[in-house]
C-alpha cells in the first residue's frame, strides 16, 4: 500500500528534543567577518556529531538564467573564499563558465543552524586543483578519472566498466592528472547566519561586504 506523503509530512517534527540543541546566539558578540563565525559553527557541528557537516547546497544558473542546485562537498574556506571542486565540463562547471556567480547553503540541524553565502566564483590555479585532488582518497581520484560527469549514460554496465578501469588506474598511478578537474572558490559578497529558536524568534545575522570590510545587520525571521 502506497504511503501518503502528506501524512508523513504531518508526522514529522523539526528540531525534536534530544536530537537538536538550540543554542542562544547574541549577534552583538559575533566576529567582525563571517569566516571566523563559520569556522566556529562548523567546529561545533562536528563536535555535536552532525552527519556530513562538510556537505553543502550549491546553486548556479545556466546560460538562460535558469537555476539549478545540488549537494557538493566543501574543500576548504579561507580569505580566498569557500572552495569546492568539479569537472569544468560538468553541468555546474558549464554554468559557472557562463555565469560565474553562485550561492552556497549549509544546514546543521544538530543546532538548528543555517549558513548562506552568495558571491562571484573564480577558478583556482591548476596547481591548486591538482594538489586538492591528490590530497583526497583513492576513491575520489577514481571518480574524477571516470569522467563524463553530467553526460548521458548508456547503461549501468558502461559505468561499471569505466569505474573499474578508473579504480585500477587510481591505485597503480595515484599521481595521474585529470585536466578537467577544477577547484573553484566562491568569494562571498553576502553571508547569513541563522540560529533557530524554540519560540520561533530565530536570529538572522547578515554580513555584507563593503570594500575590504563587512557591514553587519539583522533580518526578520
Foldseek 3Di string as FASTA:
>chain_A
DDDDPVVVVVPDDALDPPQAAFDDDDPVPDDFDVVVVVVVVLVVLVVLVQPQQQKKKKWFAALVRHIDIDIFGFLDADQQATKGKDFCPAPVNNRCVNPQWIKIWTAGSNHRKIKIFIAGKDWDPPVVQLVSQLVDDLLSQLVLQLDPHNHDDPDVVNSVVSSVVSSVCCVVPVSDDRVRMIMMGGNGQKMWMWGADPVRQIWIKMWGDDDPGTDIDTDGD
